[in-house]
């Protein structure tokens, strides 16, 4: 029963993150994957990211953007997990950052539209 709950939690987390799996990552580059297959990248750095704390969001504790890499980063409030979404244009970042409901914007404009990976 416990295994089933762990699997369900992994699927729910992946569903909430809206990841499109990146199958082009070479196995030698992958440190670890979640049980749902999402890449976990221990070498990812958010140091150059423009970060925004989101205390009023029920979905995220923090969001950020690395302009030079067009990478959106989000930290989910419910799990504390950090995900990176690749190929996100600056225009989408600007709309996301200023959205009244970041969760709604994420679900409609980001989730499922960009490749992503679990960072931590």
Protein backbone atom coordinates (compact mmCIF):
# COMPACT_ATOMS: atom_id res chain seq x y z
CA UNK A 1 0.00 0.00 0.00
CA UNK A 2 2.83 2.38 0.87
CA UNK A 3 4.49 1.80 -2.52
CA UNK A 4 1.23 2.68 -4.25
CA UNK A 5 0.98 5.95 -2.32
CA UNK A 6 4.57 6.86 -3.19
CA UNK A 7 3.91 6.20 -6.86
CA UNK A 8 0.70 8.22 -6.77
CA UNK A 9 2.53 11.12 -5.10
CA UNK A 10 5.26 10.99 -7.77
CA UNK A 11 2.67 11.07 -10.56
CA UNK A 12 0.79 13.95 -8.94
CA UNK A 13 4.01 15.93 -8.49
CA UNK A 14 4.96 15.36 -12.12
CA UNK A 15 1.46 16.32 -13.24
CA UNK A 16 1.58 19.51 -11.17
CA UNK A 17 4.95 20.42 -12.62
CA UNK A 18 3.70 19.98 -16.18
CA UNK A 19 7.00 18.57 -17.41
CA UNK A 20 7.50 17.47 -20.96
CA UNK A 21 10.25 14.87 -20.64
CA UNK A 22 13.51 15.63 -22.38
CA UNK A 23 14.44 12.34 -23.99
CA UNK A 24 17.51 13.80 -25.71
CA UNK A 25 19.62 13.94 -22.54
CA UNK A 26 22.51 11.50 -22.79
CA UNK A 27 22.50 8.89 -19.98
CA UNK A 28 26.04 9.89 -18.97
CA UNK A 29 24.81 13.44 -18.28
CA UNK A 30 21.95 12.36 -16.05
CA UNK A 31 22.69 12.17 -12.34
CA UNK A 32 19.37 10.74 -11.21
CA UNK A 33 15.72 10.48 -12.24
CA UNK A 34 12.57 10.54 -10.16
CA UNK A 35 10.36 7.46 -10.16
CA UNK A 36 8.24 9.27 -12.76
CA UNK A 37 11.29 9.65 -15.04
CA UNK A 38 11.94 13.37 -14.54
CA UNK A 39 15.61 14.26 -14.69
CA UNK A 40 17.22 15.50 -11.47
CA UNK A 41 20.20 17.72 -12.28
CA UNK A 42 22.56 18.24 -9.34
CA UNK A 43 24.81 20.55 -11.39
CA UNK A 44 22.10 23.10 -12.24
CA UNK A 45 22.85 26.60 -10.96
CA UNK A 46 20.29 29.30 -10.25
CA UNK A 47 23.03 31.78 -9.34
CA UNK A 48 22.44 34.02 -12.38
CA UNK A 49 18.65 33.87 -12.12
CA UNK A 50 16.47 36.88 -11.54
CA UNK A 51 14.42 35.60 -8.59
CA UNK A 52 11.08 36.79 -7.28
CA UNK A 53 9.66 35.71 -3.92
CA UNK A 54 5.95 34.89 -4.19
CA UNK A 55 4.53 34.92 -0.65
CA UNK A 56 0.98 35.51 -1.90
CA UNK A 57 1.02 32.56 -4.30
CA UNK A 58 -0.57 29.32 -3.17
CA UNK A 59 1.36 27.46 -5.89
CA UNK A 60 4.93 28.80 -5.66
CA UNK A 61 7.31 30.05 -2.99
CA UNK A 62 9.69 31.54 -5.56
CA UNK A 63 9.96 31.97 -9.31
CA UNK A 64 12.94 33.02 -11.37
CA UNK A 65 14.35 33.42 -14.84
CA UNK A 66 17.79 32.98 -16.37
CA UNK A 67 17.66 35.32 -19.37
CA UNK A 68 20.85 34.10 -21.04
CA UNK A 69 19.45 30.55 -21.15
CA UNK A 70 15.72 31.34 -21.48
CA UNK A 71 15.15 29.14 -18.45
CA UNK A 72 12.27 29.62 -16.06
CA UNK A 73 12.67 28.23 -12.55
CA UNK A 74 9.86 27.63 -10.08
CA UNK A 75 9.77 26.32 -6.53
CA UNK A 76 6.49 24.61 -5.76
CA UNK A 77 4.98 25.52 -2.41
CA UNK A 78 3.36 22.12 -1.77
CA UNK A 79 6.54 20.05 -2.28
CA UNK A 80 9.44 22.50 -2.10
CA UNK A 81 10.73 21.02 -5.37
CA UNK A 82 12.57 23.25 -7.82
CA UNK A 83 11.90 22.74 -11.53
CA UNK A 84 13.54 24.33 -14.57
CA UNK A 85 11.53 24.99 -17.75
CA UNK A 86 13.64 25.43 -20.89
CA UNK A 87 13.13 27.64 -23.94
CA UNK A 88 10.75 30.01 -22.18
CA UNK A 89 10.80 33.42 -23.93
CA UNK A 90 11.38 36.55 -21.87
CA UNK A 91 7.90 37.75 -22.86
CA UNK A 92 6.35 34.71 -21.12
CA UNK A 93 8.54 35.32 -18.05
CA UNK A 94 7.39 38.96 -17.89
CA UNK A 95 3.72 37.95 -18.09
CA UNK A 96 4.20 35.18 -15.51
CA UNK A 97 6.02 37.47 -13.11
CA UNK A 98 3.28 40.10 -13.28
CA UNK A 99 0.29 37.72 -13.34
CA UNK A 100 -2.27 38.19 -10.57
CA UNK A 101 -2.58 34.42 -10.28
CA UNK A 102 0.75 32.79 -10.98
CA UNK A 103 -0.75 29.32 -10.60
CA UNK A 104 -3.43 30.01 -13.23
CA UNK A 105 -0.92 31.54 -15.63
CA UNK A 106 1.46 28.61 -15.10
CA UNK A 107 -1.31 26.09 -15.81
CA UNK A 108 -2.50 27.84 -18.96
CA UNK A 109 0.74 29.11 -20.52
CA UNK A 110 3.69 27.13 -19.15
CA UNK A 111 2.66 23.69 -17.89
CA UNK A 112 3.03 21.11 -20.65
CA UNK A 113 4.38 23.65 -23.15
CA UNK A 114 8.10 23.52 -22.34
CA UNK A 115 10.64 20.81 -21.60
CA UNK A 116 11.54 20.73 -17.94
CA UNK A 117 13.45 18.87 -15.31
CA UNK A 118 13.37 18.53 -11.58
CA UNK A 119 16.40 20.27 -10.11
CA UNK A 120 16.03 19.52 -6.41
